[in-house]
């Protein structure tokens, strides 16, 4: 059996690798890119890392994290002599793991390969990171046929497989644990916002809309720990709640009216709960969600945000029929490819 290392660092990576970790039992290397958020995700799925590098510090520059992370990960990889390394998505940790695998000539697997927005600055820096990782990977596990087409257009050299997205597998694991009791009696909108490219003007525009919207309907905004988000919320004066663990977040998602978010993962989760979403981004690498007619992008003009909210309100009964990102069998497909 191959000695495999899964390198992860953020809560979304843990969630999307969880079912594979539970079934494949690899060596798990955690960079610590997320700290508290990562710890609760490990607990929810009853998994734990073999090594936690705990590299992240408050408001740390990306370049510093990548440099320090590459040094620390390289040291662990050289010590254990892995036969294969797997990274997920488009994070700084994924870039670090892919680079270390490449320079050490260790076969690299990229889970969630082929996502493209077509704009190098949106999302930033993830669009460039995932493109670079794809071109270093030996095995590319694409969630959708569209993702696979992106890879073929770029003439990547690795083996491409369409497998779906493991987020659906993870959701199937935890959805039975969600309460049927609503977190709030009144109707509410669920908001998340954390993307770096929005930290200047755009986040203030959205928050000013939220402040006005809150006079008409409750807006539940679990505060992201990033200090830039906290500052903007305080300056505009919008109400927030403490960060939610993954189970509590899904509980809130299950019962909300609709979602406003700049998250990539939430775009994959809303179909499982039949919720419309206003994507607080100018572009998305998950084009499949737009084809459902239950999701909208925004230009970050106030009038456009209000217009898109009204379009969502016009949806009488949100129904996705199926999740465009997977069917819950991705873990099995990945295992069959890697075993």
C-alpha atoms as a PDB file:
ATOM      1  CA  UNK A   1       0.000   0.000   0.000  1.00  0.00           C
ATOM      2  CA  UNK A   2       1.262   3.466  -0.893  1.00  0.00           C
ATOM      3  CA  UNK A   3       2.350   5.796   1.916  1.00  0.00           C
ATOM      4  CA  UNK A   4       0.105   8.783   1.291  1.00  0.00           C
ATOM      5  CA  UNK A   5       0.145  12.272   2.784  1.00  0.00           C
ATOM      6  CA  UNK A   6      -2.853  14.616   2.717  1.00  0.00           C
ATOM      7  CA  UNK A   7      -1.785  18.223   3.229  1.00  0.00           C
ATOM      8  CA  UNK A   8      -4.464  20.628   4.456  1.00  0.00           C
ATOM      9  CA  UNK A   9      -4.759  23.877   6.371  1.00  0.00           C
ATOM     10  CA  UNK A  10      -8.216  25.475   6.227  1.00  0.00           C
ATOM     11  CA  UNK A  11     -11.659  24.438   7.430  1.00  0.00           C
ATOM     12  CA  UNK A  12     -12.991  23.877   3.875  1.00  0.00           C
ATOM     13  CA  UNK A  13     -10.040  21.599   3.093  1.00  0.00           C
ATOM     14  CA  UNK A  14     -10.714  19.537   6.216  1.00  0.00           C
ATOM     15  CA  UNK A  15     -14.421  19.231   5.373  1.00  0.00           C
ATOM     16  CA  UNK A  16     -13.718  18.222   1.773  1.00  0.00           C
ATOM     17  CA  UNK A  17     -11.003  15.727   2.710  1.00  0.00           C
ATOM     18  CA  UNK A  18     -12.822  14.312   5.748  1.00  0.00           C
ATOM     19  CA  UNK A  19     -14.558  11.331   4.117  1.00  0.00           C
ATOM     20  CA  UNK A  20     -11.375  10.383   2.266  1.00  0.00           C
ATOM     21  CA  UNK A  21      -9.316  10.634   5.457  1.00  0.00           C
ATOM     22  CA  UNK A  22     -11.798   8.453   7.340  1.00  0.00           C
ATOM     23  CA  UNK A  23     -11.727   5.724   4.695  1.00  0.00           C
ATOM     24  CA  UNK A  24      -8.156   5.891   3.344  1.00  0.00           C
ATOM     25  CA  UNK A  25      -6.299   6.551   6.640  1.00  0.00           C
ATOM     26  CA  UNK A  26      -3.461   8.668   5.153  1.00  0.00           C
ATOM     27  CA  UNK A  27      -0.828  10.648   7.032  1.00  0.00           C
ATOM     28  CA  UNK A  28      -2.497  14.036   7.656  1.00  0.00           C
ATOM     29  CA  UNK A  29      -0.308  17.139   7.695  1.00  0.00           C
ATOM     30  CA  UNK A  30      -2.040  20.311   8.927  1.00  0.00           C
ATOM     31  CA  UNK A  31      -0.287  23.613   8.232  1.00  0.00           C
ATOM     32  CA  UNK A  32      -2.474  25.538  10.667  1.00  0.00           C
ATOM     33  CA  UNK A  33      -3.628  28.057   8.050  1.00  0.00           C
ATOM     34  CA  UNK A  34      -6.887  28.119  10.037  1.00  0.00           C
ATOM     35  CA  UNK A  35      -6.651  27.539  13.781  1.00  0.00           C
ATOM     36  CA  UNK A  36      -9.953  27.595  15.729  1.00  0.00           C
ATOM     37  CA  UNK A  37     -12.048  26.938  12.614  1.00  0.00           C
ATOM     38  CA  UNK A  38      -9.884  23.930  11.794  1.00  0.00           C
ATOM     39  CA  UNK A  39     -10.009  22.462  15.281  1.00  0.00           C
ATOM     40  CA  UNK A  40     -13.805  22.356  15.345  1.00  0.00           C
ATOM     41  CA  UNK A  41     -13.911  20.799  11.857  1.00  0.00           C
ATOM     42  CA  UNK A  42     -11.570  18.012  12.925  1.00  0.00           C
ATOM     43  CA  UNK A  43     -13.817  17.319  15.940  1.00  0.00           C
ATOM     44  CA  UNK A  44     -17.050  17.274  13.920  1.00  0.00           C
ATOM     45  CA  UNK A  45     -15.699  14.583  11.592  1.00  0.00           C
ATOM     46  CA  UNK A  46     -13.821  12.743  14.351  1.00  0.00           C
ATOM     47  CA  UNK A  47     -10.459  12.968  12.620  1.00  0.00           C
ATOM     48  CA  UNK A  48      -7.151  14.493  13.659  1.00  0.00           C
ATOM     49  CA  UNK A  49      -3.884  15.477  11.992  1.00  0.00           C
ATOM     50  CA  UNK A  50      -0.703  13.495  12.509  1.00  0.00           C
ATOM     51  CA  UNK A  51       1.253  16.764  12.496  1.00  0.00           C
ATOM     52  CA  UNK A  52       0.003  20.318  13.143  1.00  0.00           C
ATOM     53  CA  UNK A  53       2.566  22.918  12.111  1.00  0.00           C
ATOM     54  CA  UNK A  54       0.465  25.788  13.566  1.00  0.00           C
ATOM     55  CA  UNK A  55       2.030  28.270  11.165  1.00  0.00           C
ATOM     56  CA  UNK A  56      -0.611  30.994  10.956  1.00  0.00           C
ATOM     57  CA  UNK A  57      -0.303  34.221  12.926  1.00  0.00           C
ATOM     58  CA  UNK A  58      -2.707  37.171  13.111  1.00  0.00           C
ATOM     59  CA  UNK A  59      -3.073  39.079   9.808  1.00  0.00           C
ATOM     60  CA  UNK A  60       0.031  37.319   8.456  1.00  0.00           C
ATOM     61  CA  UNK A  61       1.152  38.209   4.939  1.00  0.00           C
ATOM     62  CA  UNK A  62       0.509  35.503   2.367  1.00  0.00           C
ATOM     63  CA  UNK A  63       4.090  35.547   1.155  1.00  0.00           C
ATOM     64  CA  UNK A  64       5.398  34.935   4.670  1.00  0.00           C
ATOM     65  CA  UNK A  65       2.996  32.069   5.243  1.00  0.00           C
ATOM     66  CA  UNK A  66       3.901  30.439   1.928  1.00  0.00           C
ATOM     67  CA  UNK A  67       7.657  30.755   2.526  1.00  0.00           C
ATOM     68  CA  UNK A  68       7.497  29.486   6.109  1.00  0.00           C
ATOM     69  CA  UNK A  69       5.007  26.801   5.155  1.00  0.00           C
ATOM     70  CA  UNK A  70       7.108  25.451   2.301  1.00  0.00           C
ATOM     71  CA  UNK A  71      10.140  25.123   4.586  1.00  0.00           C
ATOM     72  CA  UNK A  72       8.185  23.341   7.323  1.00  0.00           C
ATOM     73  CA  UNK A  73       6.263  21.021   4.992  1.00  0.00           C
ATOM     74  CA  UNK A  74       9.410  20.125   3.046  1.00  0.00           C
ATOM     75  CA  UNK A  75      11.089  19.061   6.285  1.00  0.00           C
ATOM     76  CA  UNK A  76       8.211  16.700   7.187  1.00  0.00           C
ATOM     77  CA  UNK A  77       7.977  15.293   3.649  1.00  0.00           C
ATOM     78  CA  UNK A  78      11.698  14.525   3.518  1.00  0.00           C
ATOM     79  CA  UNK A  79      11.520  12.818   6.906  1.00  0.00           C
ATOM     80  CA  UNK A  80       8.627  10.481   6.015  1.00  0.00           C
ATOM     81  CA  UNK A  81       9.423   9.733   2.350  1.00  0.00           C
ATOM     82  CA  UNK A  82       5.811   9.646   1.114  1.00  0.00           C
ATOM     83  CA  UNK A  83       4.874   7.819  -2.087  1.00  0.00           C
ATOM     84  CA  UNK A  84       2.075  10.261  -2.914  1.00  0.00           C
ATOM     85  CA  UNK A  85       0.809  13.675  -1.785  1.00  0.00           C
ATOM     86  CA  UNK A  86      -2.772  14.914  -2.082  1.00  0.00           C
ATOM     87  CA  UNK A  87      -3.848  18.545  -1.858  1.00  0.00           C
ATOM     88  CA  UNK A  88      -7.305  20.063  -2.180  1.00  0.00           C
ATOM     89  CA  UNK A  89      -8.567  23.211  -3.853  1.00  0.00           C
ATOM     90  CA  UNK A  90      -6.822  26.534  -4.214  1.00  0.00           C
ATOM     91  CA  UNK A  91      -5.487  27.639  -0.840  1.00  0.00           C
ATOM     92  CA  UNK A  92      -2.001  28.759   0.145  1.00  0.00           C
ATOM     93  CA  UNK A  93      -1.638  25.360   1.800  1.00  0.00           C
ATOM     94  CA  UNK A  94      -2.527  23.591  -1.463  1.00  0.00           C
ATOM     95  CA  UNK A  95       0.107  25.627  -3.295  1.00  0.00           C
ATOM     96  CA  UNK A  96       2.686  24.813  -0.615  1.00  0.00           C
ATOM     97  CA  UNK A  97       1.920  21.092  -0.694  1.00  0.00           C
ATOM     98  CA  UNK A  98       1.978  20.944  -4.477  1.00  0.00           C
ATOM     99  CA  UNK A  99       5.280  22.797  -4.690  1.00  0.00           C
ATOM    100  CA  UNK A 100       6.936  20.577  -2.097  1.00  0.00           C
ATOM    101  CA  UNK A 101       5.660  17.463  -3.874  1.00  0.00           C
ATOM    102  CA  UNK A 102       6.947  18.740  -7.207  1.00  0.00           C
ATOM    103  CA  UNK A 103      10.454  19.664  -6.063  1.00  0.00           C
ATOM    104  CA  UNK A 104      10.779  16.329  -4.230  1.00  0.00           C
ATOM    105  CA  UNK A 105       9.496  14.408  -7.289  1.00  0.00           C
ATOM    106  CA  UNK A 106       6.614  12.908  -5.360  1.00  0.00           C
ATOM    107  CA  UNK A 107       3.442  12.139  -7.378  1.00  0.00           C
ATOM    108  CA  UNK A 108       0.804  14.790  -6.713  1.00  0.00           C
ATOM    109  CA  UNK A 109      -2.982  14.390  -6.632  1.00  0.00           C
ATOM    110  CA  UNK A 110      -5.145  17.512  -6.897  1.00  0.00           C
ATOM    111  CA  UNK A 111      -8.637  17.137  -5.458  1.00  0.00           C
ATOM    112  CA  UNK A 112     -11.091  19.723  -6.877  1.00  0.00           C
ATOM    113  CA  UNK A 113      -9.072  20.385 -10.021  1.00  0.00           C
ATOM    114  CA  UNK A 114     -10.057  22.477 -13.011  1.00  0.00           C
ATOM    115  CA  UNK A 115     -12.113  25.246 -11.429  1.00  0.00           C
ATOM    116  CA  UNK A 116     -11.652  28.521 -13.321  1.00  0.00           C
ATOM    117  CA  UNK A 117     -13.248  31.961 -13.109  1.00  0.00           C
ATOM    118  CA  UNK A 118     -11.261  33.281 -16.074  1.00  0.00           C
ATOM    119  CA  UNK A 119     -10.141  36.311 -14.036  1.00  0.00           C
ATOM    120  CA  UNK A 120      -6.713  36.096 -12.410  1.00  0.00           C
ATOM    121  CA  UNK A 121      -7.701  38.711  -9.811  1.00  0.00           C
ATOM    122  CA  UNK A 122     -11.050  37.143  -8.861  1.00  0.00           C
ATOM    123  CA  UNK A 123     -10.869  35.219  -6.667  1.00  0.00           C
ATOM    124  CA  UNK A 124      -7.492  36.475  -5.526  1.00  0.00           C
ATOM    125  CA  UNK A 125      -5.053  34.785  -5.124  1.00  0.00           C
ATOM    126  CA  UNK A 126      -6.892  31.470  -5.550  1.00  0.00           C
ATOM    127  CA  UNK A 127      -7.414  31.617  -9.318  1.00  0.00           C
ATOM    128  CA  UNK A 128      -3.657  31.617  -9.939  1.00  0.00           C
ATOM    129  CA  UNK A 129      -2.923  29.161  -7.135  1.00  0.00           C
ATOM    130  CA  UNK A 130      -5.256  26.451  -8.447  1.00  0.00           C
ATOM    131  CA  UNK A 131      -4.020  26.895 -12.011  1.00  0.00           C
ATOM    132  CA  UNK A 132      -0.419  26.410 -10.901  1.00  0.00           C
ATOM    133  CA  UNK A 133      -1.333  23.376  -8.790  1.00  0.00           C
ATOM    134  CA  UNK A 134      -3.181  21.788 -11.715  1.00  0.00           C
ATOM    135  CA  UNK A 135      -0.140  22.075 -13.936  1.00  0.00           C
ATOM    136  CA  UNK A 136       2.042  20.356 -11.314  1.00  0.00           C
ATOM    137  CA  UNK A 137      -0.417  17.536 -10.592  1.00  0.00           C
ATOM    138  CA  UNK A 138      -0.024  13.968 -11.830  1.00  0.00           C
ATOM    139  CA  UNK A 139      -3.650  13.049 -11.070  1.00  0.00           C
ATOM    140  CA  UNK A 140      -6.396  15.670 -11.403  1.00  0.00           C
ATOM    141  CA  UNK A 141      -9.735  14.951  -9.741  1.00  0.00           C
ATOM    142  CA  UNK A 142     -12.246  17.304 -11.383  1.00  0.00           C
ATOM    143  CA  UNK A 143     -15.686  17.770  -9.781  1.00  0.00           C
ATOM    144  CA  UNK A 144     -17.570  18.359 -13.067  1.00  0.00           C
ATOM    145  CA  UNK A 145     -17.286  17.826 -16.804  1.00  0.00           C
ATOM    146  CA  UNK A 146     -16.880  21.605 -17.213  1.00  0.00           C
ATOM    147  CA  UNK A 147     -13.874  21.523 -14.882  1.00  0.00           C
ATOM    148  CA  UNK A 148     -12.356  18.695 -16.928  1.00  0.00           C
ATOM    149  CA  UNK A 149     -12.871  20.726 -20.122  1.00  0.00           C
ATOM    150  CA  UNK A 150     -10.973  23.627 -18.546  1.00  0.00           C
ATOM    151  CA  UNK A 151      -8.019  21.340 -17.864  1.00  0.00           C
ATOM    152  CA  UNK A 152      -8.021  19.917 -21.377  1.00  0.00           C
ATOM    153  CA  UNK A 153      -8.110  23.422 -22.867  1.00  0.00           C
ATOM    154  CA  UNK A 154      -4.975  24.239 -20.875  1.00  0.00           C
ATOM    155  CA  UNK A 155      -3.306  21.013 -22.017  1.00  0.00           C
ATOM    156  CA  UNK A 156      -2.410  19.875 -18.515  1.00  0.00           C
ATOM    157  CA  UNK A 157      -0.200  16.782 -18.487  1.00  0.00           C
ATOM    158  CA  UNK A 158      -1.734  14.823 -15.603  1.00  0.00           C
ATOM    159  CA  UNK A 159      -4.453  12.162 -15.718  1.00  0.00           C
ATOM    160  CA  UNK A 160      -7.897  13.770 -15.533  1.00  0.00           C
ATOM    161  CA  UNK A 161     -10.870  12.112 -13.817  1.00  0.00           C
ATOM    162  CA  UNK A 162     -14.378  13.525 -13.275  1.00  0.00           C
ATOM    163  CA  UNK A 163     -15.406  12.426  -9.787  1.00  0.00           C
ATOM    164  CA  UNK A 164     -17.820  15.003  -8.316  1.00  0.00           C
ATOM    165  CA  UNK A 165     -17.092  17.043  -5.205  1.00  0.00           C
ATOM    166  CA  UNK A 166     -16.470  15.464  -1.802  1.00  0.00           C
ATOM    167  CA  UNK A 167     -18.431  18.265  -0.116  1.00  0.00           C
ATOM    168  CA  UNK A 168     -21.613  16.342  -0.980  1.00  0.00           C
ATOM    169  CA  UNK A 169     -20.242  13.221   0.700  1.00  0.00           C
ATOM    170  CA  UNK A 170     -19.420  15.283   3.794  1.00  0.00           C
ATOM    171  CA  UNK A 171     -22.893  16.836   3.835  1.00  0.00           C
ATOM    172  CA  UNK A 172     -24.514  13.402   3.629  1.00  0.00           C
ATOM    173  CA  UNK A 173     -22.509  12.457   6.698  1.00  0.00           C
ATOM    174  CA  UNK A 174     -23.607  15.410   8.848  1.00  0.00           C
ATOM    175  CA  UNK A 175     -27.080  16.422   7.577  1.00  0.00           C
ATOM    176  CA  UNK A 176     -28.894  13.860   9.771  1.00  0.00           C
ATOM    177  CA  UNK A 177     -27.419  15.645  12.800  1.00  0.00           C
ATOM    178  CA  UNK A 178     -29.067  18.996  11.973  1.00  0.00           C
ATOM    179  CA  UNK A 179     -31.997  20.073  14.128  1.00  0.00           C
ATOM    180  CA  UNK A 180     -35.457  20.503  12.623  1.00  0.00           C
ATOM    181  CA  UNK A 181     -36.073  23.341  15.094  1.00  0.00           C
ATOM    182  CA  UNK A 182     -35.380  26.785  13.618  1.00  0.00           C
ATOM    183  CA  UNK A 183     -32.558  28.853  15.160  1.00  0.00           C
ATOM    184  CA  UNK A 184     -34.852  31.926  14.954  1.00  0.00           C
ATOM    185  CA  UNK A 185     -38.638  32.164  14.853  1.00  0.00           C
ATOM    186  CA  UNK A 186     -38.636  35.000  12.326  1.00  0.00           C
ATOM    187  CA  UNK A 187     -37.476  34.674   8.688  1.00  0.00           C
ATOM    188  CA  UNK A 188     -33.811  35.527   8.140  1.00  0.00           C
ATOM    189  CA  UNK A 189     -31.104  35.874   5.504  1.00  0.00           C
ATOM    190  CA  UNK A 190     -27.778  34.114   6.063  1.00  0.00           C
ATOM    191  CA  UNK A 191     -24.722  36.243   5.191  1.00  0.00           C
ATOM    192  CA  UNK A 192     -21.035  35.370   4.933  1.00  0.00           C
ATOM    193  CA  UNK A 193     -18.256  37.514   3.494  1.00  0.00           C
ATOM    194  CA  UNK A 194     -14.503  37.133   3.774  1.00  0.00           C
ATOM    195  CA  UNK A 195     -12.791  37.370   0.362  1.00  0.00           C
ATOM    196  CA  UNK A 196      -9.573  39.391   0.206  1.00  0.00           C
ATOM    197  CA  UNK A 197     -10.422  41.061  -3.103  1.00  0.00           C
ATOM    198  CA  UNK A 198     -13.451  42.686  -1.409  1.00  0.00           C
ATOM    199  CA  UNK A 199     -11.603  44.251   1.525  1.00  0.00           C
ATOM    200  CA  UNK A 200     -11.450  47.735   0.002  1.00  0.00           C
ATOM    201  CA  UNK A 201     -14.653  49.341  -1.321  1.00  0.00           C
ATOM    202  CA  UNK A 202     -16.856  46.326  -2.072  1.00  0.00           C
ATOM    203  CA  UNK A 203     -17.240  44.984   1.450  1.00  0.00           C
ATOM    204  CA  UNK A 204     -18.345  48.428   2.676  1.00  0.00           C
ATOM    205  CA  UNK A 205     -20.914  48.643  -0.134  1.00  0.00           C
ATOM    206  CA  UNK A 206     -22.386  45.262   0.762  1.00  0.00           C
ATOM    207  CA  UNK A 207     -22.452  46.034   4.476  1.00  0.00           C
ATOM    208  CA  UNK A 208     -24.232  49.350   3.879  1.00  0.00           C
ATOM    209  CA  UNK A 209     -26.924  47.456   1.931  1.00  0.00           C
ATOM    210  CA  UNK A 210     -27.147  44.919   4.751  1.00  0.00           C
ATOM    211  CA  UNK A 211     -27.631  47.691   7.298  1.00  0.00           C
ATOM    212  CA  UNK A 212     -30.625  49.023   5.341  1.00  0.00           C
ATOM    213  CA  UNK A 213     -31.951  45.540   4.600  1.00  0.00           C
ATOM    214  CA  UNK A 214     -31.910  44.693   8.303  1.00  0.00           C
ATOM    215  CA  UNK A 215     -34.786  47.110   8.855  1.00  0.00           C
ATOM    216  CA  UNK A 216     -37.033  44.794   6.811  1.00  0.00           C
ATOM    217  CA  UNK A 217     -35.713  41.294   7.551  1.00  0.00           C
ATOM    218  CA  UNK A 218     -33.303  39.738  10.008  1.00  0.00           C
ATOM    219  CA  UNK A 219     -29.782  39.231   8.628  1.00  0.00           C
ATOM    220  CA  UNK A 220     -27.623  36.647  10.406  1.00  0.00           C
ATOM    221  CA  UNK A 221     -23.925  37.298   9.852  1.00  0.00           C
ATOM    222  CA  UNK A 222     -21.496  34.884  11.557  1.00  0.00           C
ATOM    223  CA  UNK A 223     -18.386  37.010  11.889  1.00  0.00           C
ATOM    224  CA  UNK A 224     -15.319  35.728  10.038  1.00  0.00           C
ATOM    225  CA  UNK A 225     -12.186  36.004  12.223  1.00  0.00           C
ATOM    226  CA  UNK A 226     -10.302  38.062   9.613  1.00  0.00           C
ATOM    227  CA  UNK A 227      -9.595  41.511  11.154  1.00  0.00           C
ATOM    228  CA  UNK A 228     -10.420  43.298   7.884  1.00  0.00           C
ATOM    229  CA  UNK A 229     -13.968  41.904   7.986  1.00  0.00           C
ATOM    230  CA  UNK A 230     -14.362  42.837  11.653  1.00  0.00           C
ATOM    231  CA  UNK A 231     -13.198  46.389  10.944  1.00  0.00           C
ATOM    232  CA  UNK A 232     -15.648  46.892   8.060  1.00  0.00           C
ATOM    233  CA  UNK A 233     -18.587  45.531  10.078  1.00  0.00           C
ATOM    234  CA  UNK A 234     -17.750  47.847  12.967  1.00  0.00           C
ATOM    235  CA  UNK A 235     -17.313  50.926  10.750  1.00  0.00           C
ATOM    236  CA  UNK A 236     -20.636  50.391   8.942  1.00  0.00           C
ATOM    237  CA  UNK A 237     -22.388  49.313  12.134  1.00  0.00           C
ATOM    238  CA  UNK A 238     -24.035  46.011  11.193  1.00  0.00           C
ATOM    239  CA  UNK A 239     -25.040  43.309  13.635  1.00  0.00           C
ATOM    240  CA  UNK A 240     -22.984  40.123  13.776  1.00  0.00           C
ATOM    241  CA  UNK A 241     -22.910  36.881  15.711  1.00  0.00           C
ATOM    242  CA  UNK A 242     -19.934  34.799  16.800  1.00  0.00           C
ATOM    243  CA  UNK A 243     -18.391  32.426  14.227  1.00  0.00           C
ATOM    244  CA  UNK A 244     -20.408  29.215  13.877  1.00  0.00           C
ATOM    245  CA  UNK A 245     -18.969  25.733  13.826  1.00  0.00           C
ATOM    246  CA  UNK A 246     -19.741  23.774  10.666  1.00  0.00           C
ATOM    247  CA  UNK A 247     -22.754  21.923  12.066  1.00  0.00           C
ATOM    248  CA  UNK A 248     -24.314  25.110  13.425  1.00  0.00           C
ATOM    249  CA  UNK A 249     -23.663  26.903  10.162  1.00  0.00           C
ATOM    250  CA  UNK A 250     -25.453  24.164   8.213  1.00  0.00           C
ATOM    251  CA  UNK A 251     -28.313  24.351  10.728  1.00  0.00           C
ATOM    252  CA  UNK A 252     -28.663  28.064   9.952  1.00  0.00           C
ATOM    253  CA  UNK A 253     -28.373  27.334   6.228  1.00  0.00           C
ATOM    254  CA  UNK A 254     -31.122  24.716   6.431  1.00  0.00           C
ATOM    255  CA  UNK A 255     -33.686  27.177   7.795  1.00  0.00           C
ATOM    256  CA  UNK A 256     -32.796  30.519   6.148  1.00  0.00           C
ATOM    257  CA  UNK A 257     -34.800  32.255   3.403  1.00  0.00           C
ATOM    258  CA  UNK A 258     -31.774  32.705   1.152  1.00  0.00           C
ATOM    259  CA  UNK A 259     -28.011  33.186   1.290  1.00  0.00           C
ATOM    260  CA  UNK A 260     -25.703  36.086   0.496  1.00  0.00           C
ATOM    261  CA  UNK A 261     -22.094  34.926   0.347  1.00  0.00           C
ATOM    262  CA  UNK A 262     -18.731  35.232  -1.396  1.00  0.00           C
ATOM    263  CA  UNK A 263     -17.772  31.683  -0.382  1.00  0.00           C
ATOM    264  CA  UNK A 264     -17.026  29.042  -2.984  1.00  0.00           C
ATOM    265  CA  UNK A 265     -17.999  26.106  -0.782  1.00  0.00           C
ATOM    266  CA  UNK A 266     -21.401  27.551   0.087  1.00  0.00           C
ATOM    267  CA  UNK A 267     -22.227  27.659  -3.630  1.00  0.00           C
ATOM    268  CA  UNK A 268     -21.817  23.871  -3.573  1.00  0.00           C
ATOM    269  CA  UNK A 269     -23.830  23.443  -0.374  1.00  0.00           C
ATOM    270  CA  UNK A 270     -26.977  25.508  -1.107  1.00  0.00           C
ATOM    271  CA  UNK A 271     -28.376  22.996  -3.666  1.00  0.00           C
ATOM    272  CA  UNK A 272     -28.494  20.369  -0.906  1.00  0.00           C
ATOM    273  CA  UNK A 273     -30.872  22.639   1.034  1.00  0.00           C
ATOM    274  CA  UNK A 274     -32.720  24.148  -1.964  1.00  0.00           C
ATOM    275  CA  UNK A 275     -31.705  27.706  -1.076  1.00  0.00           C
ATOM    276  CA  UNK A 276     -31.237  30.590  -3.536  1.00  0.00           C
ATOM    277  CA  UNK A 277     -27.957  32.477  -3.291  1.00  0.00           C
ATOM    278  CA  UNK A 278     -26.685  35.938  -4.129  1.00  0.00           C
ATOM    279  CA  UNK A 279     -22.994  35.373  -4.829  1.00  0.00           C
ATOM    280  CA  UNK A 280     -21.144  38.441  -3.553  1.00  0.00           C
ATOM    281  CA  UNK A 281     -18.553  38.262  -6.312  1.00  0.00           C
ATOM    282  CA  UNK A 282     -18.180  39.565  -9.859  1.00  0.00           C
ATOM    283  CA  UNK A 283     -17.284  36.129 -11.248  1.00  0.00           C
ATOM    284  CA  UNK A 284     -17.500  32.544 -10.058  1.00  0.00           C
ATOM    285  CA  UNK A 285     -15.454  29.460 -10.854  1.00  0.00           C
ATOM    286  CA  UNK A 286     -18.570  27.404 -10.158  1.00  0.00           C
ATOM    287  CA  UNK A 287     -20.504  28.308 -13.294  1.00  0.00           C
ATOM    288  CA  UNK A 288     -22.777  25.308 -12.853  1.00  0.00           C
ATOM    289  CA  UNK A 289     -24.668  27.070 -10.038  1.00  0.00           C
ATOM    290  CA  UNK A 290     -25.606  29.945 -12.363  1.00  0.00           C
ATOM    291  CA  UNK A 291     -27.227  27.541 -14.797  1.00  0.00           C
ATOM    292  CA  UNK A 292     -29.739  26.513 -12.124  1.00  0.00           C
ATOM    293  CA  UNK A 293     -31.362  30.000 -12.212  1.00  0.00           C
ATOM    294  CA  UNK A 294     -31.278  30.011  -8.405  1.00  0.00           C
ATOM    295  CA  UNK A 295     -28.001  31.944  -8.116  1.00  0.00           C
ATOM    296  CA  UNK A 296     -26.928  35.445  -9.108  1.00  0.00           C
ATOM    297  CA  UNK A 297     -23.663  37.392  -9.283  1.00  0.00           C
ATOM    298  CA  UNK A 298     -23.374  41.080  -8.392  1.00  0.00           C
ATOM    299  CA  UNK A 299     -21.481  44.075  -9.802  1.00  0.00           C
ATOM    300  CA  UNK A 300     -21.145  45.540  -6.268  1.00  0.00           C
ATOM    301  CA  UNK A 301     -23.269  48.540  -7.195  1.00  0.00           C
ATOM    302  CA  UNK A 302     -25.943  49.128  -4.553  1.00  0.00           C
ATOM    303  CA  UNK A 303     -28.710  49.226  -7.131  1.00  0.00           C
ATOM    304  CA  UNK A 304     -27.569  45.904  -8.595  1.00  0.00           C
ATOM    305  CA  UNK A 305     -27.409  44.224  -5.193  1.00  0.00           C
ATOM    306  CA  UNK A 306     -30.986  45.334  -4.456  1.00  0.00           C
ATOM    307  CA  UNK A 307     -32.077  44.200  -7.926  1.00  0.00           C
ATOM    308  CA  UNK A 308     -30.601  40.724  -7.406  1.00  0.00           C
ATOM    309  CA  UNK A 309     -32.213  40.449  -3.965  1.00  0.00           C
ATOM    310  CA  UNK A 310     -35.563  41.226  -5.571  1.00  0.00           C
ATOM    311  CA  UNK A 311     -34.941  38.542  -8.214  1.00  0.00           C
ATOM    312  CA  UNK A 312     -34.319  36.027  -5.439  1.00  0.00           C
ATOM    313  CA  UNK A 313     -37.539  37.074  -3.716  1.00  0.00           C
ATOM    314  CA  UNK A 314     -39.400  36.337  -6.960  1.00  0.00           C
ATOM    315  CA  UNK A 315     -38.365  32.675  -6.770  1.00  0.00           C
ATOM    316  CA  UNK A 316     -41.538  31.088  -5.426  1.00  0.00           C
ATOM    317  CA  UNK A 317     -40.109  27.681  -4.591  1.00  0.00           C
ATOM    318  CA  UNK A 318     -36.402  27.072  -4.941  1.00  0.00           C
ATOM    319  CA  UNK A 319     -35.718  23.612  -6.338  1.00  0.00           C
ATOM    320  CA  UNK A 320     -32.403  22.365  -7.721  1.00  0.00           C
ATOM    321  CA  UNK A 321     -33.632  18.840  -8.585  1.00  0.00           C
ATOM    322  CA  UNK A 322     -30.031  17.651  -8.252  1.00  0.00           C
ATOM    323  CA  UNK A 323     -26.772  19.089  -7.009  1.00  0.00           C
ATOM    324  CA  UNK A 324     -24.661  20.061 -10.057  1.00  0.00           C
ATOM    325  CA  UNK A 325     -21.471  19.443  -8.082  1.00  0.00           C
ATOM    326  CA  UNK A 326     -21.873  15.820  -7.040  1.00  0.00           C
ATOM    327  CA  UNK A 327     -23.999  12.854  -6.050  1.00  0.00           C
ATOM    328  CA  UNK A 328     -22.384  11.775  -2.783  1.00  0.00           C
ATOM    329  CA  UNK A 329     -20.274   9.009  -4.358  1.00  0.00           C
ATOM    330  CA  UNK A 330     -17.068  10.976  -4.891  1.00  0.00           C
ATOM    331  CA  UNK A 331     -15.173   9.305  -2.052  1.00  0.00           C
ATOM    332  CA  UNK A 332     -15.741   5.873  -3.584  1.00  0.00           C
ATOM    333  CA  UNK A 333     -14.643   7.074  -7.050  1.00  0.00           C
ATOM    334  CA  UNK A 334     -11.471   8.660  -5.658  1.00  0.00           C
ATOM    335  CA  UNK A 335     -10.591   5.520  -3.717  1.00  0.00           C
ATOM    336  CA  UNK A 336     -11.023   3.379  -6.819  1.00  0.00           C
ATOM    337  CA  UNK A 337      -8.668   5.679  -8.733  1.00  0.00           C
ATOM    338  CA  UNK A 338      -5.995   5.920  -6.027  1.00  0.00           C
ATOM    339  CA  UNK A 339      -6.025   2.383  -4.621  1.00  0.00           C
END
